[in-house]
N, C-alpha and C. Protein backbone atom coordinates (compact mmCIF):
# COMPACT_ATOMS: atom_id res chain seq x y z
N MET A 1 -31.16 30.13 -161.83
CA MET A 1 -30.05 30.47 -162.63
C MET A 1 -30.19 31.43 -163.32
N ALA A 2 -31.16 31.82 -163.81
CA ALA A 2 -31.01 33.07 -164.69
C ALA A 2 -30.95 34.11 -163.94
N ASP A 3 -31.46 34.48 -162.66
CA ASP A 3 -31.42 35.38 -161.43
C ASP A 3 -29.70 35.63 -161.67
N TYR A 4 -28.89 34.80 -161.67
CA TYR A 4 -27.43 35.06 -161.51
C TYR A 4 -26.88 35.19 -162.65
N ALA A 5 -27.38 35.44 -164.09
CA ALA A 5 -27.04 35.81 -164.90
C ALA A 5 -26.27 37.25 -165.55
N PHE A 6 -26.30 37.76 -164.50
CA PHE A 6 -25.94 39.16 -164.48
C PHE A 6 -24.62 39.22 -163.99
N LEU A 7 -24.19 37.93 -163.31
CA LEU A 7 -22.58 37.75 -163.15
C LEU A 7 -21.82 37.73 -164.19
N LEU A 8 -21.56 36.77 -165.58
CA LEU A 8 -21.15 37.04 -166.69
C LEU A 8 -20.69 38.42 -167.01
N PRO A 9 -21.62 39.30 -167.44
CA PRO A 9 -21.03 40.40 -167.83
C PRO A 9 -20.18 41.32 -166.47
N ILE A 10 -20.40 40.92 -165.34
CA ILE A 10 -20.26 41.80 -164.41
C ILE A 10 -18.51 41.17 -164.28
N GLY A 11 -18.02 39.73 -164.17
CA GLY A 11 -16.97 39.08 -164.66
C GLY A 11 -16.04 39.48 -165.33
N ILE A 12 -16.90 39.69 -166.53
CA ILE A 12 -16.16 40.20 -168.06
C ILE A 12 -15.40 41.50 -167.74
N ALA A 13 -16.51 42.59 -167.41
CA ALA A 13 -16.14 43.86 -166.66
C ALA A 13 -14.78 43.94 -165.83
N LEU A 14 -15.00 42.88 -164.89
CA LEU A 14 -13.83 43.08 -164.17
C LEU A 14 -12.26 42.29 -164.71
N LEU A 15 -12.59 41.26 -165.36
CA LEU A 15 -11.59 41.27 -166.20
C LEU A 15 -10.37 42.15 -166.75
N GLY A 16 -11.39 43.25 -167.62
CA GLY A 16 -10.90 44.48 -168.30
C GLY A 16 -10.26 45.07 -167.29
N GLY A 17 -10.89 45.05 -166.20
CA GLY A 17 -10.51 46.11 -164.88
C GLY A 17 -8.99 45.32 -164.77
N ALA A 18 -8.99 44.12 -164.40
CA ALA A 18 -7.94 43.85 -163.77
C ALA A 18 -6.45 43.70 -164.62
N MET A 19 -7.28 43.19 -166.11
CA MET A 19 -6.31 43.49 -167.37
C MET A 19 -5.79 44.54 -167.40
N SER A 20 -5.95 45.91 -167.20
CA SER A 20 -5.59 46.91 -167.68
C SER A 20 -4.22 47.17 -166.50
N PRO A 21 -3.31 47.99 -166.91
CA PRO A 21 -1.87 47.99 -166.06
C PRO A 21 -1.84 48.78 -164.88
N GLY A 22 -1.67 48.28 -164.04
CA GLY A 22 -1.55 49.04 -162.94
C GLY A 22 -0.96 48.31 -161.71
N PRO A 23 -0.37 49.12 -160.50
CA PRO A 23 0.13 48.50 -159.27
C PRO A 23 0.13 47.26 -159.13
N SER A 24 -1.01 46.87 -159.09
CA SER A 24 -1.19 45.50 -158.96
C SER A 24 -0.09 44.39 -160.13
N PHE A 25 -0.22 44.92 -161.47
CA PHE A 25 0.48 44.14 -162.36
C PHE A 25 1.78 44.05 -161.84
N LEU A 26 2.46 45.44 -161.26
CA LEU A 26 3.83 45.65 -161.13
C LEU A 26 4.22 44.84 -160.08
N VAL A 27 3.35 44.74 -158.80
CA VAL A 27 3.77 43.92 -157.66
C VAL A 27 3.83 42.41 -158.08
N VAL A 28 3.07 41.86 -158.78
CA VAL A 28 2.94 40.65 -158.97
C VAL A 28 4.00 40.45 -160.03
N ALA A 29 4.40 41.15 -161.01
CA ALA A 29 5.72 40.86 -161.37
C ALA A 29 6.99 40.77 -160.84
N GLN A 30 7.12 41.68 -160.43
CA GLN A 30 8.18 42.00 -159.53
C GLN A 30 8.31 40.72 -158.99
N ASN A 31 7.23 40.25 -157.87
CA ASN A 31 7.45 39.15 -156.80
C ASN A 31 7.86 37.55 -157.76
N SER A 32 6.93 37.57 -158.90
CA SER A 32 7.30 36.47 -160.07
C SER A 32 8.75 36.59 -160.55
N LEU A 33 9.11 37.83 -160.79
CA LEU A 33 10.24 37.96 -161.74
C LEU A 33 11.91 37.48 -160.40
N SER A 34 11.66 38.30 -159.26
CA SER A 34 12.81 38.41 -158.50
C SER A 34 12.50 37.24 -157.28
N LYS A 35 11.43 36.77 -157.21
CA LYS A 35 11.47 35.57 -155.93
C LYS A 35 11.18 34.56 -156.67
N SER A 36 9.84 34.22 -156.88
CA SER A 36 9.30 32.70 -157.26
C SER A 36 8.11 33.23 -157.94
N ARG A 37 7.92 31.53 -158.54
CA ARG A 37 6.25 31.58 -158.68
C ARG A 37 5.68 31.64 -157.56
N ALA A 38 5.98 30.91 -156.81
CA ALA A 38 4.68 31.00 -155.46
C ALA A 38 4.72 32.11 -155.02
N HIS A 39 5.96 33.15 -154.66
CA HIS A 39 5.58 34.35 -154.42
C HIS A 39 4.50 34.98 -155.64
N GLY A 40 4.81 34.82 -156.58
CA GLY A 40 3.55 35.60 -157.22
C GLY A 40 2.54 35.13 -157.03
N LEU A 41 2.08 33.91 -157.55
CA LEU A 41 0.87 33.12 -156.74
C LEU A 41 0.25 33.84 -155.69
N ALA A 42 1.30 33.84 -154.49
CA ALA A 42 0.75 34.57 -153.16
C ALA A 42 0.27 35.78 -153.25
N THR A 43 1.10 36.39 -154.16
CA THR A 43 0.55 37.76 -154.41
C THR A 43 -0.79 38.27 -155.13
N SER A 44 -0.69 37.12 -156.07
CA SER A 44 -2.25 36.82 -156.77
C SER A 44 -3.36 36.81 -155.82
N VAL A 45 -3.16 36.22 -155.29
CA VAL A 45 -4.35 35.64 -153.95
C VAL A 45 -5.00 36.91 -153.34
N GLY A 46 -3.67 37.50 -152.56
CA GLY A 46 -3.56 39.18 -152.26
C GLY A 46 -4.29 39.91 -153.03
N THR A 47 -3.98 39.93 -154.17
CA THR A 47 -5.04 41.37 -155.10
C THR A 47 -5.90 40.58 -155.26
N GLY A 48 -6.40 39.06 -155.55
CA GLY A 48 -8.01 38.54 -155.76
C GLY A 48 -8.69 38.92 -154.23
N LEU A 49 -7.94 38.65 -152.84
CA LEU A 49 -8.68 39.02 -152.18
C LEU A 49 -9.25 40.66 -151.94
N GLY A 50 -8.59 41.25 -152.33
CA GLY A 50 -8.32 42.94 -152.34
C GLY A 50 -9.43 43.45 -153.43
N ALA A 51 -9.28 42.59 -154.06
CA ALA A 51 -10.70 42.64 -155.19
C ALA A 51 -12.24 42.14 -154.74
N GLY A 52 -11.99 41.18 -154.18
CA GLY A 52 -13.05 40.76 -153.34
C GLY A 52 -13.78 41.52 -152.00
N VAL A 53 -12.78 41.95 -151.58
CA VAL A 53 -13.28 42.95 -150.36
C VAL A 53 -14.12 44.20 -150.53
N PHE A 54 -13.14 44.50 -152.01
CA PHE A 54 -13.92 46.25 -152.43
C PHE A 54 -15.47 45.38 -152.94
N ALA A 55 -15.53 44.61 -153.49
CA ALA A 55 -16.87 44.03 -154.31
C ALA A 55 -17.89 44.11 -153.18
N LEU A 56 -17.32 43.17 -152.27
CA LEU A 56 -18.29 42.93 -151.16
C LEU A 56 -18.53 44.41 -150.11
N LEU A 57 -17.55 45.43 -150.40
CA LEU A 57 -18.16 46.53 -150.02
C LEU A 57 -18.76 47.31 -150.63
N ALA A 58 -18.50 47.21 -151.78
CA ALA A 58 -19.05 47.99 -153.17
C ALA A 58 -20.99 47.44 -152.96
N GLY A 59 -21.32 46.00 -152.50
CA GLY A 59 -22.88 45.58 -152.52
C GLY A 59 -23.03 45.85 -151.28
N LEU A 60 -22.54 46.10 -150.47
CA LEU A 60 -22.90 46.72 -149.16
C LEU A 60 -23.41 47.80 -149.21
N GLY A 61 -22.94 48.73 -150.02
CA GLY A 61 -23.32 49.99 -149.90
C GLY A 61 -21.71 51.04 -149.80
N VAL A 62 -20.72 50.70 -149.07
CA VAL A 62 -19.81 51.31 -148.80
C VAL A 62 -19.50 52.34 -150.03
N THR A 63 -19.11 52.09 -150.99
CA THR A 63 -18.73 53.11 -152.40
C THR A 63 -19.69 54.02 -152.43
N ALA A 64 -21.04 54.16 -152.04
CA ALA A 64 -22.10 54.93 -151.73
C ALA A 64 -21.55 55.93 -150.76
N VAL A 65 -20.87 55.52 -149.97
CA VAL A 65 -20.18 56.62 -148.46
C VAL A 65 -18.89 57.08 -149.09
N LEU A 66 -18.50 56.16 -149.82
CA LEU A 66 -16.95 57.10 -150.25
C LEU A 66 -17.34 58.14 -150.77
N HIS A 67 -18.48 58.02 -152.12
CA HIS A 67 -18.76 58.90 -153.13
C HIS A 67 -18.97 60.19 -152.56
N ASN A 68 -20.24 59.91 -151.52
CA ASN A 68 -21.01 60.79 -151.02
C ASN A 68 -20.29 61.55 -149.43
N THR A 69 -18.89 61.01 -149.22
CA THR A 69 -18.19 61.70 -148.40
C THR A 69 -16.95 62.38 -148.87
N PRO A 70 -17.02 63.47 -149.68
CA PRO A 70 -15.54 63.77 -150.43
C PRO A 70 -14.30 63.90 -149.54
N LEU A 71 -14.40 64.15 -147.90
CA LEU A 71 -13.30 64.15 -147.27
C LEU A 71 -12.98 62.62 -147.00
N PHE A 72 -13.59 62.25 -146.47
CA PHE A 72 -13.25 60.64 -146.78
C PHE A 72 -12.46 59.86 -147.85
N PHE A 73 -13.14 59.91 -148.87
CA PHE A 73 -12.83 59.77 -150.22
C PHE A 73 -11.28 60.15 -150.50
N ALA A 74 -11.34 61.46 -150.46
CA ALA A 74 -9.90 62.03 -150.62
C ALA A 74 -8.82 61.65 -149.72
N THR A 75 -9.09 61.54 -148.81
CA THR A 75 -8.29 60.82 -147.41
C THR A 75 -7.78 59.61 -148.13
N PHE A 76 -9.15 58.88 -148.37
CA PHE A 76 -8.55 57.36 -148.69
C PHE A 76 -7.46 57.47 -150.04
N SER A 77 -7.87 58.49 -150.95
CA SER A 77 -7.47 58.70 -152.39
C SER A 77 -5.60 58.90 -152.16
N VAL A 78 -5.60 59.91 -151.11
CA VAL A 78 -4.23 60.54 -150.80
C VAL A 78 -3.47 59.47 -150.09
N VAL A 79 -3.92 58.88 -149.39
CA VAL A 79 -3.44 57.66 -148.29
C VAL A 79 -3.09 56.56 -149.38
N GLY A 80 -3.74 56.08 -150.32
CA GLY A 80 -3.46 55.20 -150.83
C GLY A 80 -2.38 55.21 -152.20
N ALA A 81 -2.22 56.67 -152.74
CA ALA A 81 -1.60 57.45 -153.36
C ALA A 81 0.13 57.18 -152.83
N ILE A 82 -0.05 57.80 -151.72
CA ILE A 82 1.31 57.98 -150.86
C ILE A 82 1.98 56.47 -150.58
N TYR A 83 0.96 55.54 -150.49
CA TYR A 83 1.97 53.72 -150.16
C TYR A 83 1.90 53.38 -151.61
N LEU A 84 1.08 53.56 -153.11
CA LEU A 84 1.48 53.38 -154.06
C LEU A 84 3.06 54.06 -154.51
N GLY A 85 2.96 55.04 -154.32
CA GLY A 85 4.21 55.86 -154.49
C GLY A 85 5.64 55.50 -153.72
N TRP A 86 5.31 55.01 -152.50
CA TRP A 86 6.27 54.02 -151.86
C TRP A 86 6.69 52.93 -152.48
N ILE A 87 5.82 52.36 -153.04
CA ILE A 87 5.91 50.85 -153.61
C ILE A 87 6.74 51.35 -154.94
N ALA A 88 5.85 51.98 -155.60
CA ALA A 88 6.95 52.35 -156.95
C ALA A 88 8.38 52.98 -156.76
N PHE A 89 8.70 54.00 -155.65
CA PHE A 89 9.76 54.20 -155.46
C PHE A 89 11.10 52.74 -155.07
N LYS A 90 10.44 51.87 -154.16
CA LYS A 90 11.07 50.64 -153.95
C LYS A 90 11.42 50.06 -155.27
N ILE A 91 10.22 49.71 -156.06
CA ILE A 91 10.73 49.18 -157.29
C ILE A 91 11.71 49.70 -158.04
N ALA A 92 11.50 50.79 -157.92
CA ALA A 92 12.66 51.89 -159.03
C ALA A 92 13.82 51.73 -158.48
N LYS A 93 14.04 52.07 -157.40
CA LYS A 93 15.31 51.80 -156.51
C LYS A 93 16.01 50.44 -156.43
N HIS A 94 15.40 49.26 -156.77
CA HIS A 94 16.06 48.33 -156.93
C HIS A 94 15.94 47.54 -158.33
N ALA A 95 15.53 48.44 -159.52
CA ALA A 95 15.34 47.68 -160.79
C ALA A 95 16.50 47.36 -161.13
N ASN A 96 17.59 48.02 -161.05
CA ASN A 96 18.79 47.34 -161.42
C ASN A 96 19.48 46.62 -160.78
N GLU A 97 19.35 45.93 -159.86
CA GLU A 97 19.77 44.86 -158.76
C GLU A 97 19.58 43.57 -159.42
N PRO A 98 20.66 42.35 -159.57
CA PRO A 98 20.40 41.14 -160.24
C PRO A 98 18.91 40.39 -159.47
N LEU A 99 18.34 39.36 -159.89
CA LEU A 99 17.66 38.68 -159.30
C LEU A 99 18.24 37.74 -158.57
N ALA A 100 17.44 37.36 -157.39
CA ALA A 100 18.19 36.63 -156.18
C ALA A 100 18.18 35.21 -157.14
N GLU A 101 19.39 34.60 -156.64
CA GLU A 101 19.62 32.94 -157.01
C GLU A 101 18.77 32.41 -156.19
N ASN A 102 18.92 32.62 -154.75
CA ASN A 102 18.31 31.59 -153.68
C ASN A 102 17.17 31.52 -153.71
N ALA A 103 16.64 30.60 -153.96
CA ALA A 103 15.27 30.26 -154.03
C ALA A 103 14.53 29.44 -152.93
N SER A 104 15.56 28.85 -151.95
CA SER A 104 15.52 28.05 -150.69
C SER A 104 15.13 28.61 -149.65
N ASN A 105 15.50 29.76 -149.53
CA ASN A 105 15.09 30.77 -147.96
C ASN A 105 13.57 31.41 -148.96
N ALA A 106 13.91 31.87 -150.02
CA ALA A 106 12.66 32.68 -150.89
C ALA A 106 11.10 32.06 -150.47
N GLN A 107 11.06 30.91 -150.35
CA GLN A 107 9.86 30.32 -150.27
C GLN A 107 9.30 30.09 -148.80
N SER A 108 9.65 30.58 -148.00
CA SER A 108 9.49 30.38 -146.36
C SER A 108 7.85 30.56 -146.31
N VAL A 109 7.49 30.39 -145.04
CA VAL A 109 6.02 30.66 -145.11
C VAL A 109 5.83 31.94 -145.02
N ALA A 110 6.69 32.86 -143.99
CA ALA A 110 6.39 34.16 -143.70
C ALA A 110 6.79 34.86 -145.14
N SER A 111 7.42 34.32 -145.67
CA SER A 111 7.51 35.25 -146.89
C SER A 111 6.86 35.18 -147.99
N LEU A 112 5.95 34.09 -148.27
CA LEU A 112 4.88 33.92 -148.90
C LEU A 112 3.62 34.47 -148.41
N ARG A 113 3.53 34.88 -147.14
CA ARG A 113 2.47 35.44 -146.28
C ARG A 113 2.67 36.64 -146.44
N SER A 114 4.06 37.19 -146.54
CA SER A 114 4.49 38.75 -146.77
C SER A 114 3.96 39.38 -148.14
N ALA A 115 4.20 38.29 -149.19
CA ALA A 115 3.61 38.50 -150.42
C ALA A 115 2.53 38.96 -150.79
N LEU A 116 1.49 37.40 -149.93
CA LEU A 116 0.09 37.91 -150.38
C LEU A 116 -0.44 39.34 -149.23
N VAL A 117 0.07 39.70 -148.18
CA VAL A 117 -0.20 40.30 -147.70
C VAL A 117 0.03 41.77 -148.56
N LYS A 118 1.33 42.02 -148.94
CA LYS A 118 1.80 42.93 -149.98
C LYS A 118 0.67 42.60 -151.41
N GLY A 119 0.19 42.03 -151.69
CA GLY A 119 -1.04 41.80 -152.84
C GLY A 119 -2.35 42.53 -152.35
N PHE A 120 -2.65 42.01 -151.43
CA PHE A 120 -3.71 42.45 -150.83
C PHE A 120 -3.53 44.28 -150.37
N ALA A 121 -2.30 44.72 -150.17
CA ALA A 121 -2.35 46.13 -149.36
C ALA A 121 -2.52 47.06 -150.82
N VAL A 122 -1.71 46.50 -151.70
CA VAL A 122 -1.44 47.59 -152.79
C VAL A 122 -2.88 47.30 -153.71
N GLN A 123 -3.62 46.26 -153.63
CA GLN A 123 -4.89 46.12 -154.32
C GLN A 123 -5.93 47.32 -153.24
N VAL A 124 -5.76 46.94 -152.14
CA VAL A 124 -7.02 48.04 -151.26
C VAL A 124 -6.77 49.44 -151.42
N SER A 125 -5.20 49.46 -151.68
CA SER A 125 -4.83 51.11 -151.59
C SER A 125 -4.76 51.79 -153.01
N ASN A 126 -5.31 51.01 -153.93
CA ASN A 126 -5.46 51.38 -155.10
C ASN A 126 -6.70 52.23 -155.32
N PRO A 127 -6.94 53.71 -155.88
CA PRO A 127 -8.26 54.04 -155.79
C PRO A 127 -8.84 53.64 -157.09
N LYS A 128 -8.13 53.00 -158.11
CA LYS A 128 -8.40 52.47 -159.63
C LYS A 128 -9.30 51.45 -159.19
N THR A 129 -9.15 50.87 -158.03
CA THR A 129 -9.98 49.28 -157.89
C THR A 129 -11.35 50.09 -157.41
N VAL A 130 -11.47 50.85 -156.36
CA VAL A 130 -12.81 51.49 -156.33
C VAL A 130 -13.49 52.26 -157.21
N PHE A 131 -12.76 52.59 -158.39
CA PHE A 131 -13.60 53.19 -159.56
C PHE A 131 -14.03 52.15 -160.38
N VAL A 132 -13.45 50.99 -160.50
CA VAL A 132 -13.76 50.32 -161.30
C VAL A 132 -14.86 49.29 -160.66
N ILE A 133 -14.41 49.10 -159.49
CA ILE A 133 -15.89 48.06 -158.86
C ILE A 133 -17.16 49.08 -159.12
N ALA A 134 -16.91 50.12 -158.50
CA ALA A 134 -17.98 50.92 -157.92
C ALA A 134 -18.50 51.08 -159.58
N SER A 135 -17.68 51.52 -160.84
CA SER A 135 -18.43 51.57 -161.82
C SER A 135 -19.40 50.51 -162.56
N ILE A 136 -18.96 49.30 -161.80
CA ILE A 136 -19.31 48.13 -162.67
C ILE A 136 -20.60 47.70 -161.71
N PHE A 137 -20.60 48.17 -160.50
CA PHE A 137 -21.95 47.64 -159.75
C PHE A 137 -22.88 48.79 -160.07
N GLY A 138 -22.57 50.26 -160.72
CA GLY A 138 -23.52 51.26 -160.77
C GLY A 138 -24.04 51.05 -162.11
N ALA A 139 -23.34 50.14 -163.20
CA ALA A 139 -23.87 49.92 -164.47
C ALA A 139 -24.41 48.30 -164.86
N LEU A 140 -24.05 47.34 -164.16
CA LEU A 140 -24.31 46.13 -164.31
C LEU A 140 -25.18 45.53 -163.54
N MET A 141 -25.04 45.78 -161.90
CA MET A 141 -25.80 45.18 -160.94
C MET A 141 -27.26 45.30 -161.19
N PRO A 142 -27.96 44.75 -161.55
CA PRO A 142 -29.77 44.51 -161.46
C PRO A 142 -30.10 45.55 -159.89
N SER A 143 -31.22 46.20 -160.57
CA SER A 143 -31.81 46.59 -159.17
C SER A 143 -32.38 45.92 -158.41
N GLU A 144 -33.07 44.72 -159.30
CA GLU A 144 -33.35 43.40 -158.14
C GLU A 144 -32.68 42.31 -158.57
N ALA A 145 -31.48 42.28 -157.82
CA ALA A 145 -30.76 41.28 -157.86
C ALA A 145 -31.01 40.44 -156.08
N PRO A 146 -30.34 39.19 -156.50
CA PRO A 146 -30.64 38.30 -155.52
C PRO A 146 -30.32 38.70 -154.04
N LYS A 147 -30.79 38.48 -152.98
CA LYS A 147 -30.05 39.06 -151.67
C LYS A 147 -28.54 38.76 -151.22
N ASN A 148 -28.19 37.57 -151.87
CA ASN A 148 -26.53 37.01 -151.68
C ASN A 148 -26.10 37.69 -152.90
N ALA A 149 -26.42 38.22 -153.61
CA ALA A 149 -25.82 38.75 -154.94
C ALA A 149 -24.39 39.44 -154.76
N ALA A 150 -24.01 40.36 -153.67
CA ALA A 150 -22.95 40.73 -153.06
C ALA A 150 -21.88 39.87 -152.91
N LEU A 151 -22.40 38.52 -152.07
CA LEU A 151 -21.34 37.35 -151.91
C LEU A 151 -20.62 37.08 -153.25
N TRP A 152 -22.06 36.61 -154.15
CA TRP A 152 -21.58 36.00 -155.48
C TRP A 152 -20.63 37.19 -156.15
N VAL A 153 -20.99 38.11 -156.32
CA VAL A 153 -19.84 39.16 -157.24
C VAL A 153 -18.91 39.58 -156.22
N ALA A 154 -18.66 39.64 -155.33
CA ALA A 154 -17.15 39.20 -154.56
C ALA A 154 -16.56 38.02 -154.63
N LEU A 155 -17.23 36.99 -154.91
CA LEU A 155 -16.41 35.50 -155.45
C LEU A 155 -16.22 35.55 -156.84
N VAL A 156 -16.88 36.44 -157.49
CA VAL A 156 -16.54 36.56 -159.00
C VAL A 156 -15.40 37.39 -158.98
N ALA A 157 -15.55 38.54 -158.31
CA ALA A 157 -14.28 39.45 -158.45
C ALA A 157 -13.11 38.87 -157.80
N PHE A 158 -12.74 38.02 -156.91
CA PHE A 158 -11.94 37.57 -156.26
C PHE A 158 -11.19 36.65 -157.23
N THR A 159 -12.34 35.92 -158.11
CA THR A 159 -11.69 34.54 -159.04
C THR A 159 -11.37 35.46 -160.07
N VAL A 160 -11.97 36.25 -160.45
CA VAL A 160 -11.33 36.82 -162.07
C VAL A 160 -10.00 37.50 -161.67
N ASP A 161 -9.83 38.34 -160.90
CA ASP A 161 -8.45 38.74 -160.53
C ASP A 161 -7.33 38.06 -159.98
N PHE A 162 -7.98 36.97 -159.03
CA PHE A 162 -6.35 35.95 -158.73
C PHE A 162 -6.18 35.15 -160.17
N LEU A 163 -7.04 34.58 -160.76
CA LEU A 163 -6.83 33.84 -162.26
C LEU A 163 -6.02 34.81 -162.87
N TRP A 164 -6.32 35.89 -163.50
CA TRP A 164 -5.20 36.83 -164.21
C TRP A 164 -4.24 36.98 -163.47
N TYR A 165 -3.91 37.22 -162.36
CA TYR A 165 -2.82 37.48 -161.79
C TYR A 165 -2.29 36.03 -161.63
N ALA A 166 -2.74 35.05 -161.66
CA ALA A 166 -1.90 33.72 -161.72
C ALA A 166 -1.18 33.88 -163.18
N VAL A 167 -2.33 33.88 -163.85
CA VAL A 167 -1.79 33.57 -165.35
C VAL A 167 -0.06 34.75 -165.42
N VAL A 168 -0.54 35.60 -164.95
CA VAL A 168 0.58 36.99 -165.09
C VAL A 168 1.63 36.00 -164.54
N SER A 169 1.70 35.64 -162.99
CA SER A 169 2.74 35.28 -162.02
C SER A 169 3.04 33.92 -162.95
N VAL A 170 2.61 32.99 -163.52
CA VAL A 170 3.25 31.63 -164.27
C VAL A 170 3.70 32.43 -165.11
N SER A 171 3.39 33.26 -166.59
CA SER A 171 4.28 33.29 -167.45
C SER A 171 5.19 34.08 -166.72
N LEU A 172 5.64 34.97 -166.06
CA LEU A 172 6.43 35.68 -165.95
C LEU A 172 7.54 35.42 -164.97
N SER A 173 7.20 33.57 -164.38
CA SER A 173 8.46 33.06 -163.44
C SER A 173 9.08 31.77 -164.35
N VAL A 174 8.68 31.85 -165.37
CA VAL A 174 9.53 30.76 -166.22
C VAL A 174 10.93 31.35 -166.49
N GLU A 175 11.60 30.20 -166.49
CA GLU A 175 13.07 30.56 -166.31
C GLU A 175 13.30 31.68 -167.69
N LYS A 176 12.87 31.22 -168.68
CA LYS A 176 12.81 32.08 -169.96
C LYS A 176 12.76 33.58 -169.89
N SER A 177 11.54 34.03 -168.85
CA SER A 177 11.06 35.28 -168.75
C SER A 177 12.01 35.84 -167.50
N ARG A 178 12.43 35.32 -166.75
CA ARG A 178 13.18 35.55 -165.85
C ARG A 178 14.86 36.07 -166.26
């Protein structure tokens, strides 16, 4: 058990990263407020999967490739920024529209899947996620970590991110918040 003690500080650091405001918060909030709690939770699963994927990639050394290949990293950052800008534009464009009241169609499986995919896409296109996870790995991952450490950190990243955004989703989807 002591071999995995490094997971606690990593989890705490990941929670700090998840709690810092950013595009993932806006997308979870938007889906929770304008659609339903189920949509907010599906979006939260998507953001958690995105964090888990980045943590796994960081554990496998892909972040080293990103940092050592400036053109690839710059391209990733620009494409991510364009996508996040498009999401921000759509949120701003529809900000004055009233919330949808018809929740019966809003919870179709395709709609929930779309919310999950949107959460995932926002998380993996956000350069902040790469910086946070790479920094955490660089600072807190022990040099003599167990062989399956990357998988455990990916699971911790998913869990922390999902749980944080689930709290946000549940909080914002109550009638008083809406």
